[in-house]
């Protein structure tokens, strides 16, 4: 039997696909804007890593944490402080960064995570999203990790778009000062490392978390906003996944404050 093609108008499908693209693009573009603002810091960090063996022994030792920071960024774990030597060496030597992170989190009884949740809850930029953030944190505490990650991802989307639109681009002067210290072979202060750690881990996490991955392929091992937001992620989430999202959200808030308050220390802004 011959079909009448007039009854098979697929123009609605084209409109639907366009509508989907319009929903996804703002988050992708917002992530790119945040990443672009971090590029000056990332370039300095990469420069330090590449030339570490060419400079004095004291600086090589002082730059040891940068190697750990790079591994943390690859594991989607955002940090914003100068870390202990034990933690640095454990991360560098680890065969599984996730396992090592889980060990340190349990050993700390998740106190630092709880502190980050409290700071985020009290942050002015969270006012519109406080209900969802509180519910997501409660799901995390109750062991409902899949629900928590979905909630945190929704918050990430809203926060990313809002903060990227308000960037003031005041970070470059601070980065210039760090670069000058490096070029003069001066040992960098803890605050300098805190900023490098925040920028490097945040940029790497945004890159992998915001990447658009084809649904026809296997689900990414790392957390992926595209898969989670579209209900395609079926991997069982863990408490570490929730901590990564908590840190990612706080990292966005913190980098925005650093951008606005050029002279302040990452430690003071982070409430350390």
Protein backbone atom coordinates (compact mmCIF):
# COMPACT_ATOMS: atom_id res chain seq x y z
CA UNK A 1 0.00 0.00 0.00
CA UNK A 2 1.37 3.40 -0.99
CA UNK A 3 1.62 5.91 1.86
CA UNK A 4 0.53 9.50 1.54
CA UNK A 5 3.59 11.55 2.61
CA UNK A 6 1.37 14.54 3.28
CA UNK A 7 0.39 12.92 6.58
CA UNK A 8 4.01 12.62 7.70
CA UNK A 9 5.04 16.22 8.24
CA UNK A 10 8.17 16.10 10.40
CA UNK A 11 8.67 19.84 10.73
CA UNK A 12 7.75 19.55 14.42
CA UNK A 13 10.86 17.41 14.97
CA UNK A 14 13.09 20.14 13.58
CA UNK A 15 11.42 22.70 15.87
CA UNK A 16 11.84 20.34 18.82
CA UNK A 17 15.56 19.87 18.14
CA UNK A 18 16.06 23.62 17.84
CA UNK A 19 14.25 24.13 21.15
CA UNK A 20 16.49 21.55 22.82
CA UNK A 21 19.59 23.28 21.48
CA UNK A 22 18.35 26.61 22.81
CA UNK A 23 17.95 25.09 26.27
CA UNK A 24 21.40 23.49 26.30
CA UNK A 25 23.46 26.29 24.71
CA UNK A 26 23.16 28.86 27.55
CA UNK A 27 24.85 26.48 30.03
CA UNK A 28 27.54 25.51 27.53
CA UNK A 29 28.28 29.15 26.68
CA UNK A 30 28.26 30.12 30.36
CA UNK A 31 30.80 27.40 31.14
CA UNK A 32 33.00 28.65 28.32
CA UNK A 33 32.84 32.23 29.66
CA UNK A 34 33.91 31.10 33.12
CA UNK A 35 36.71 29.00 31.63
CA UNK A 36 37.91 31.95 29.54
CA UNK A 37 38.14 34.09 32.68
CA UNK A 38 40.32 31.39 34.26
CA UNK A 39 42.69 31.00 31.31
CA UNK A 40 45.32 33.51 32.57
CA UNK A 41 45.64 31.53 35.81
CA UNK A 42 45.72 28.17 34.04
CA UNK A 43 48.42 29.39 31.66
CA UNK A 44 50.63 30.44 34.58
CA UNK A 45 50.04 27.10 36.34
CA UNK A 46 50.92 25.16 33.20
CA UNK A 47 54.02 27.32 32.72
CA UNK A 48 55.10 26.49 36.26
CA UNK A 49 54.56 22.76 35.72
CA UNK A 50 56.50 22.71 32.44
CA UNK A 51 59.48 24.66 33.77
CA UNK A 52 59.65 23.32 37.33
CA UNK A 53 62.78 21.28 36.62
CA UNK A 54 64.61 24.30 35.23
CA UNK A 55 64.45 26.41 38.37
CA UNK A 56 65.98 26.35 41.84
CA UNK A 57 65.60 23.37 44.19
CA UNK A 58 63.65 25.37 46.78
CA UNK A 59 61.04 26.35 44.22
CA UNK A 60 60.82 22.82 42.82
CA UNK A 61 59.93 21.61 46.33
CA UNK A 62 57.49 24.46 46.84
CA UNK A 63 55.80 23.64 43.53
CA UNK A 64 55.25 20.00 44.41
CA UNK A 65 51.58 20.67 45.28
CA UNK A 66 50.94 21.85 41.71
CA UNK A 67 51.43 18.28 40.49
CA UNK A 68 48.79 17.10 42.95
CA UNK A 69 46.49 19.92 41.94
CA UNK A 70 46.63 18.82 38.32
CA UNK A 71 45.58 15.28 39.28
CA UNK A 72 42.75 16.63 41.42
CA UNK A 73 41.48 18.71 38.51
CA UNK A 74 41.49 15.66 36.27
CA UNK A 75 39.39 13.89 38.91
CA UNK A 76 36.87 16.81 39.04
CA UNK A 77 37.81 17.72 42.62
CA UNK A 78 37.90 21.50 43.08
CA UNK A 79 40.12 22.85 45.87
CA UNK A 80 40.87 26.38 47.03
CA UNK A 81 43.51 26.10 49.72
CA UNK A 82 47.12 25.18 50.29
CA UNK A 83 47.12 21.47 51.18
CA UNK A 84 49.20 19.45 53.62
CA UNK A 85 52.35 17.64 52.51
CA UNK A 86 50.79 14.28 53.43
CA UNK A 87 47.78 14.96 51.22
CA UNK A 88 49.93 16.16 48.32
CA UNK A 89 52.21 13.13 48.40
CA UNK A 90 49.27 10.73 48.75
CA UNK A 91 47.54 12.22 45.69
CA UNK A 92 50.72 12.13 43.60
CA UNK A 93 51.51 8.53 44.56
CA UNK A 94 47.93 7.27 44.29
CA UNK A 95 46.82 4.72 41.69
CA UNK A 96 43.24 5.93 42.28
CA UNK A 97 42.73 9.58 43.16
CA UNK A 98 39.08 8.88 43.98
CA UNK A 99 40.00 6.20 46.53
CA UNK A 100 42.57 8.49 48.12
CA UNK A 101 40.08 11.35 48.31
CA UNK A 102 37.49 9.07 49.90
CA UNK A 103 40.05 8.00 52.52
CA UNK A 104 40.90 11.58 53.48
CA UNK A 105 37.22 12.59 53.56
CA UNK A 106 36.34 9.71 55.88
CA UNK A 107 39.37 10.41 58.04
CA UNK A 108 38.18 14.01 58.40
CA UNK A 109 34.64 12.75 59.10
CA UNK A 110 33.48 14.99 56.24
CA UNK A 111 33.95 18.08 58.47
CA UNK A 112 35.43 20.19 55.68
CA UNK A 113 32.55 19.27 53.38
CA UNK A 114 30.02 20.29 56.02
CA UNK A 115 31.84 23.59 56.40
CA UNK A 116 31.65 24.17 52.65
CA UNK A 117 27.91 23.39 52.62
CA UNK A 118 27.35 25.87 55.45
CA UNK A 119 29.34 28.62 53.68
CA UNK A 120 27.48 28.01 50.44
CA UNK A 121 24.10 28.08 52.21
CA UNK A 122 24.94 31.49 53.68
CA UNK A 123 26.26 32.98 50.43
CA UNK A 124 24.13 35.87 49.04
CA UNK A 125 24.25 34.47 45.50
CA UNK A 126 22.44 31.34 46.69
CA UNK A 127 19.32 33.17 47.85
CA UNK A 128 17.21 32.15 44.84
CA UNK A 129 18.39 28.54 44.97
CA UNK A 130 18.58 27.98 48.71
CA UNK A 131 15.56 25.66 48.88
CA UNK A 132 16.89 23.29 46.24
CA UNK A 133 20.41 23.46 47.66
CA UNK A 134 19.15 22.65 51.16
CA UNK A 135 17.12 19.72 49.84
CA UNK A 136 20.08 18.45 47.81
CA UNK A 137 22.36 18.67 50.86
CA UNK A 138 19.74 16.79 52.89
CA UNK A 139 19.62 14.05 50.23
CA UNK A 140 23.43 13.84 50.46
CA UNK A 141 23.26 13.47 54.25
CA UNK A 142 20.57 10.78 53.92
CA UNK A 143 22.62 8.76 51.46
CA UNK A 144 20.34 9.56 48.51
CA UNK A 145 23.32 10.38 46.33
CA UNK A 146 21.57 10.15 42.95
CA UNK A 147 18.96 12.71 44.05
CA UNK A 148 21.63 14.94 45.53
CA UNK A 149 23.76 14.97 42.37
CA UNK A 150 20.72 15.79 40.23
CA UNK A 151 19.80 18.68 42.52
CA UNK A 152 23.35 20.02 42.66
CA UNK A 153 23.57 19.82 38.87
CA UNK A 154 20.45 21.95 38.50
CA UNK A 155 21.93 24.50 40.90
CA UNK A 156 25.19 24.45 38.95
CA UNK A 157 23.32 25.28 35.73
CA UNK A 158 21.50 28.26 37.22
CA UNK A 159 24.51 29.57 39.10
CA UNK A 160 26.87 29.21 36.15
CA UNK A 161 24.68 31.26 33.83
CA UNK A 162 24.14 34.00 36.42
CA UNK A 163 27.75 34.34 37.55
CA UNK A 164 29.28 34.19 34.07
CA UNK A 165 27.15 37.17 33.04
CA UNK A 166 28.52 39.24 35.96
CA UNK A 167 32.25 38.61 35.55
CA UNK A 168 34.32 41.76 36.10
CA UNK A 169 37.65 40.35 34.79
CA UNK A 170 39.74 41.71 37.70
CA UNK A 171 41.81 38.54 38.06
CA UNK A 172 44.55 39.35 35.48
CA UNK A 173 46.44 41.86 37.73
CA UNK A 174 46.67 39.24 40.45
CA UNK A 175 47.87 36.63 37.98
CA UNK A 176 50.49 39.05 36.67
CA UNK A 177 51.92 39.40 40.19
CA UNK A 178 52.15 35.61 40.57
CA UNK A 179 53.84 35.27 37.19
CA UNK A 180 56.41 37.93 38.13
CA UNK A 181 57.26 36.04 41.33
CA UNK A 182 57.72 32.86 39.33
CA UNK A 183 59.94 34.55 36.74
CA UNK A 184 62.10 36.03 39.53
CA UNK A 185 62.36 32.55 41.13
CA UNK A 186 60.70 33.77 44.29
CA UNK A 187 58.91 31.18 46.43
CA UNK A 188 55.18 31.69 46.06
CA UNK A 189 53.00 32.36 49.09
CA UNK A 190 50.22 30.00 50.20
CA UNK A 191 47.63 32.47 48.91
CA UNK A 192 49.19 32.33 45.45
CA UNK A 193 48.97 28.57 45.44
CA UNK A 194 45.39 28.75 46.68
CA UNK A 195 44.42 30.82 43.67
CA UNK A 196 46.34 28.59 41.25
CA UNK A 197 44.75 25.49 42.80
CA UNK A 198 41.26 26.95 42.59
CA UNK A 199 41.61 28.12 39.00
CA UNK A 200 43.31 24.98 37.71
CA UNK A 201 40.95 22.48 39.37
CA UNK A 202 37.87 24.55 38.51
CA UNK A 203 38.85 24.95 34.86
CA UNK A 204 39.59 21.23 34.44
CA UNK A 205 36.36 20.26 36.21
CA UNK A 206 34.27 22.63 34.09
CA UNK A 207 35.88 21.24 30.97
CA UNK A 208 34.95 17.60 31.67
CA UNK A 209 31.68 18.19 33.53
CA UNK A 210 30.24 20.55 30.89
CA UNK A 211 31.40 18.56 27.85
CA UNK A 212 28.60 17.44 25.54
CA UNK A 213 28.88 13.66 25.20
CA UNK A 214 27.00 11.60 22.60
CA UNK A 215 24.20 9.54 24.15
CA UNK A 216 24.95 6.74 21.68
CA UNK A 217 28.27 6.15 23.42
CA UNK A 218 28.84 4.62 26.85
CA UNK A 219 28.18 6.87 29.84
CA UNK A 220 31.31 8.84 30.79
CA UNK A 221 33.17 7.67 33.89
CA UNK A 222 33.38 11.24 35.14
CA UNK A 223 30.33 13.24 36.15
CA UNK A 224 28.79 14.84 33.08
CA UNK A 225 26.24 17.62 33.22
CA UNK A 226 24.83 16.76 29.77
CA UNK A 227 24.03 13.17 30.72
CA UNK A 228 22.70 14.04 34.19
CA UNK A 229 20.50 16.97 33.13
CA UNK A 230 18.89 14.93 30.33
CA UNK A 231 18.18 11.92 32.50
CA UNK A 232 20.61 9.67 30.65
CA UNK A 233 22.99 9.02 33.54
CA UNK A 234 22.37 5.65 35.19
CA UNK A 235 25.66 5.21 37.00
CA UNK A 236 25.10 4.87 40.73
CA UNK A 237 26.32 8.06 42.39
CA UNK A 238 28.52 8.07 45.49
CA UNK A 239 29.12 10.37 48.43
CA UNK A 240 32.34 11.45 46.69
CA UNK A 241 30.32 12.49 43.62
CA UNK A 242 28.22 14.68 45.91
CA UNK A 243 31.33 16.21 47.49
CA UNK A 244 32.67 17.00 44.02
CA UNK A 245 29.44 18.85 43.21
CA UNK A 246 29.50 20.71 46.54
CA UNK A 247 33.08 21.83 45.82
CA UNK A 248 32.27 22.76 42.22
CA UNK A 249 29.40 25.02 43.28
CA UNK A 250 31.50 26.67 45.99
CA UNK A 251 34.37 27.06 43.53
CA UNK A 252 32.11 29.02 41.18
CA UNK A 253 31.05 31.31 44.02
CA UNK A 254 34.61 31.76 45.23
CA UNK A 255 36.14 32.56 41.85
CA UNK A 256 33.44 35.19 41.35
CA UNK A 257 34.32 36.80 44.70
CA UNK A 258 38.00 36.73 43.82
CA UNK A 259 37.12 38.40 40.54
CA UNK A 260 35.19 41.14 42.34
CA UNK A 261 37.51 41.60 45.35
CA UNK A 262 40.90 41.75 43.74
CA UNK A 263 42.92 42.45 46.89
CA UNK A 264 41.43 39.76 49.14
CA UNK A 265 42.97 36.44 50.02
CA UNK A 266 41.41 33.16 48.88
CA UNK A 267 41.68 32.00 52.50
CA UNK A 268 39.69 34.96 53.83
CA UNK A 269 37.10 34.59 51.11
CA UNK A 270 36.85 30.86 51.70
CA UNK A 271 36.40 31.45 55.40
CA UNK A 272 39.49 29.46 56.32
